[in-house]
């Protein structure tokens, strides 16, 4: 069974680097991952369902304004 991971990162290069690192770890350790990448944190939160085992979420989103 694959470990289900969500990556929430607006910087595409950072998201891709993390995804590649996870896949490399999986290959080296014979662990299967299913990874979905979200570049829009609001869309992730709107569509979120408790289906992921791990969520990697960027801490800072400079383009968001909070009340």
N, C-alpha and C. Protein backbone atom coordinates (compact mmCIF):
# COMPACT_ATOMS: atom_id res chain seq x y z
N UNK A 1 0.84 -1.19 0.00
CA UNK A 1 0.00 0.00 0.00
C UNK A 1 0.89 1.25 0.00
N UNK A 2 0.56 2.18 -0.82
CA UNK A 2 1.33 3.40 -0.97
C UNK A 2 1.00 4.40 0.14
N UNK A 3 2.01 5.13 0.55
CA UNK A 3 1.82 6.23 1.49
C UNK A 3 1.32 7.42 0.66
N UNK A 4 0.21 7.99 1.07
CA UNK A 4 -0.40 9.09 0.32
C UNK A 4 0.10 10.43 0.87
N UNK A 5 0.69 11.23 -0.02
CA UNK A 5 1.30 12.50 0.40
C UNK A 5 0.73 13.65 -0.42
N UNK A 6 0.41 14.74 0.26
CA UNK A 6 0.04 16.00 -0.40
C UNK A 6 1.17 16.99 -0.18
N UNK A 7 1.60 17.63 -1.25
CA UNK A 7 2.59 18.70 -1.17
C UNK A 7 1.88 19.98 -1.54
N UNK A 8 1.86 20.93 -0.61
CA UNK A 8 1.20 22.22 -0.84
C UNK A 8 2.30 23.28 -0.85
N UNK A 9 2.69 23.69 -2.03
CA UNK A 9 3.82 24.61 -2.19
C UNK A 9 3.60 25.45 -3.44
N UNK A 10 3.57 26.77 -3.27
CA UNK A 10 3.32 27.64 -4.43
C UNK A 10 4.54 27.79 -5.33
N UNK A 11 5.73 27.56 -4.82
CA UNK A 11 6.93 27.63 -5.64
C UNK A 11 7.13 26.28 -6.34
N UNK A 12 6.93 26.28 -7.64
CA UNK A 12 6.95 25.02 -8.39
C UNK A 12 8.28 24.30 -8.30
N UNK A 13 9.39 25.03 -8.28
CA UNK A 13 10.70 24.38 -8.19
C UNK A 13 10.89 23.71 -6.83
N UNK A 14 10.41 24.34 -5.78
CA UNK A 14 10.51 23.75 -4.44
C UNK A 14 9.63 22.50 -4.33
N UNK A 15 8.43 22.58 -4.90
CA UNK A 15 7.53 21.43 -4.88
C UNK A 15 8.13 20.26 -5.64
N UNK A 16 8.71 20.55 -6.79
CA UNK A 16 9.33 19.49 -7.61
C UNK A 16 10.53 18.87 -6.90
N UNK A 17 11.34 19.69 -6.25
CA UNK A 17 12.51 19.17 -5.52
C UNK A 17 12.07 18.25 -4.39
N UNK A 18 11.04 18.64 -3.66
CA UNK A 18 10.54 17.81 -2.57
C UNK A 18 9.96 16.51 -3.11
N UNK A 19 9.19 16.61 -4.18
CA UNK A 19 8.62 15.41 -4.79
C UNK A 19 9.72 14.44 -5.24
N UNK A 20 10.76 14.96 -5.87
CA UNK A 20 11.87 14.11 -6.32
C UNK A 20 12.59 13.47 -5.14
N UNK A 21 12.78 14.23 -4.06
CA UNK A 21 13.46 13.68 -2.88
C UNK A 21 12.63 12.54 -2.26
N UNK A 22 11.33 12.72 -2.21
CA UNK A 22 10.46 11.67 -1.67
C UNK A 22 10.51 10.43 -2.55
N UNK A 23 10.43 10.63 -3.86
CA UNK A 23 10.48 9.49 -4.78
C UNK A 23 11.83 8.77 -4.68
N UNK A 24 12.91 9.53 -4.56
CA UNK A 24 14.24 8.92 -4.43
C UNK A 24 14.31 8.08 -3.14
N UNK A 25 13.79 8.65 -2.04
CA UNK A 25 13.75 7.90 -0.79
C UNK A 25 12.95 6.61 -0.96
N UNK A 26 11.83 6.70 -1.63
CA UNK A 26 10.99 5.53 -1.86
C UNK A 26 11.71 4.46 -2.65
N UNK A 27 12.42 4.86 -3.69
CA UNK A 27 13.16 3.92 -4.51
C UNK A 27 14.27 3.24 -3.70
N UNK A 28 15.00 4.03 -2.93
CA UNK A 28 16.12 3.50 -2.14
C UNK A 28 15.66 2.60 -1.01
N UNK A 29 14.46 2.84 -0.49
CA UNK A 29 13.98 2.09 0.67
C UNK A 29 12.78 1.19 0.38
N UNK A 30 12.47 1.04 -0.90
CA UNK A 30 11.36 0.18 -1.34
C UNK A 30 10.04 0.54 -0.66
N UNK A 31 9.77 1.85 -0.67
CA UNK A 31 8.52 2.38 -0.13
C UNK A 31 7.77 3.04 -1.28
N UNK A 32 6.49 2.76 -1.38
CA UNK A 32 5.68 3.32 -2.47
C UNK A 32 4.94 4.56 -1.97
N UNK A 33 5.00 5.62 -2.77
CA UNK A 33 4.30 6.85 -2.44
C UNK A 33 3.36 7.24 -3.57
N UNK A 34 2.22 7.78 -3.21
CA UNK A 34 1.33 8.44 -4.14
C UNK A 34 1.36 9.91 -3.75
N UNK A 35 1.81 10.76 -4.66
CA UNK A 35 2.02 12.17 -4.34
C UNK A 35 1.13 13.04 -5.21
N UNK A 36 0.46 13.98 -4.58
CA UNK A 36 -0.31 15.01 -5.31
C UNK A 36 0.24 16.36 -4.89
N UNK A 37 0.52 17.19 -5.87
CA UNK A 37 1.08 18.52 -5.62
C UNK A 37 0.01 19.58 -5.84
N UNK A 38 -0.09 20.49 -4.90
CA UNK A 38 -1.01 21.61 -4.97
C UNK A 38 -0.16 22.89 -4.97
N UNK A 39 -0.40 23.78 -5.92
CA UNK A 39 0.33 25.05 -5.96
C UNK A 39 -0.50 26.20 -5.38
N UNK A 40 -1.75 25.93 -5.10
CA UNK A 40 -2.65 26.95 -4.54
C UNK A 40 -3.16 26.46 -3.18
N UNK A 41 -2.69 27.06 -2.08
CA UNK A 41 -3.09 26.58 -0.76
C UNK A 41 -4.59 26.71 -0.50
N UNK A 42 -5.21 27.75 -1.03
CA UNK A 42 -6.65 27.91 -0.81
C UNK A 42 -7.44 26.82 -1.51
N UNK A 43 -7.03 26.46 -2.71
CA UNK A 43 -7.69 25.37 -3.42
C UNK A 43 -7.51 24.05 -2.66
N UNK A 44 -6.31 23.83 -2.14
CA UNK A 44 -6.08 22.63 -1.34
C UNK A 44 -7.04 22.60 -0.15
N UNK A 45 -7.15 23.71 0.57
CA UNK A 45 -8.01 23.75 1.75
C UNK A 45 -9.48 23.58 1.38
N UNK A 46 -9.88 24.15 0.25
CA UNK A 46 -11.27 24.02 -0.19
C UNK A 46 -11.60 22.58 -0.56
N UNK A 47 -10.66 21.89 -1.19
CA UNK A 47 -10.92 20.54 -1.69
C UNK A 47 -10.42 19.45 -0.75
N UNK A 48 -9.83 19.83 0.38
CA UNK A 48 -9.20 18.84 1.26
C UNK A 48 -10.19 17.81 1.76
N UNK A 49 -9.74 16.57 1.70
CA UNK A 49 -10.43 15.45 2.33
C UNK A 49 -9.37 14.67 3.09
N UNK A 50 -9.74 14.06 4.18
CA UNK A 50 -8.78 13.34 5.01
C UNK A 50 -8.37 12.04 4.34
N UNK A 51 -7.64 12.17 3.24
CA UNK A 51 -7.21 10.98 2.49
C UNK A 51 -5.70 10.85 2.45
N UNK A 52 -4.98 11.82 3.03
CA UNK A 52 -3.52 11.81 2.97
C UNK A 52 -2.93 11.33 4.29
N UNK A 53 -1.83 10.61 4.18
CA UNK A 53 -1.10 10.17 5.36
C UNK A 53 -0.15 11.27 5.85
N UNK A 54 0.37 12.05 4.90
CA UNK A 54 1.31 13.13 5.19
C UNK A 54 0.94 14.34 4.33
N UNK A 55 0.98 15.53 4.94
CA UNK A 55 0.79 16.77 4.20
C UNK A 55 2.00 17.65 4.47
N UNK A 56 2.73 17.97 3.41
CA UNK A 56 3.82 18.94 3.48
C UNK A 56 3.24 20.27 3.01
N UNK A 57 3.21 21.26 3.89
CA UNK A 57 2.62 22.54 3.52
C UNK A 57 3.62 23.66 3.79
N UNK A 58 3.84 24.50 2.80
CA UNK A 58 4.71 25.66 2.98
C UNK A 58 4.14 26.53 4.09
N UNK A 59 5.01 27.11 4.87
CA UNK A 59 4.57 27.89 6.02
C UNK A 59 4.17 29.31 5.62
N UNK A 60 4.82 29.86 4.63
CA UNK A 60 4.59 31.26 4.27
C UNK A 60 4.05 31.37 2.85
N UNK A 61 2.95 32.08 2.73
CA UNK A 61 2.38 32.39 1.43
C UNK A 61 2.23 33.90 1.37
N UNK A 62 3.19 34.55 0.75
CA UNK A 62 3.21 36.02 0.75
C UNK A 62 2.07 36.64 -0.04
N UNK A 63 1.50 35.89 -0.99
CA UNK A 63 0.42 36.46 -1.79
C UNK A 63 -0.94 36.40 -1.11
N UNK A 64 -1.02 35.80 0.06
CA UNK A 64 -2.30 35.72 0.78
C UNK A 64 -2.40 36.85 1.79
N UNK A 65 -3.58 37.43 1.89
CA UNK A 65 -3.83 38.41 2.93
C UNK A 65 -4.87 37.84 3.86
N UNK A 66 -4.54 37.83 5.11
CA UNK A 66 -5.46 37.29 6.10
C UNK A 66 -6.07 38.45 6.89
N UNK A 67 -7.31 38.29 7.32
CA UNK A 67 -7.96 39.38 8.09
C UNK A 67 -7.30 39.60 9.43
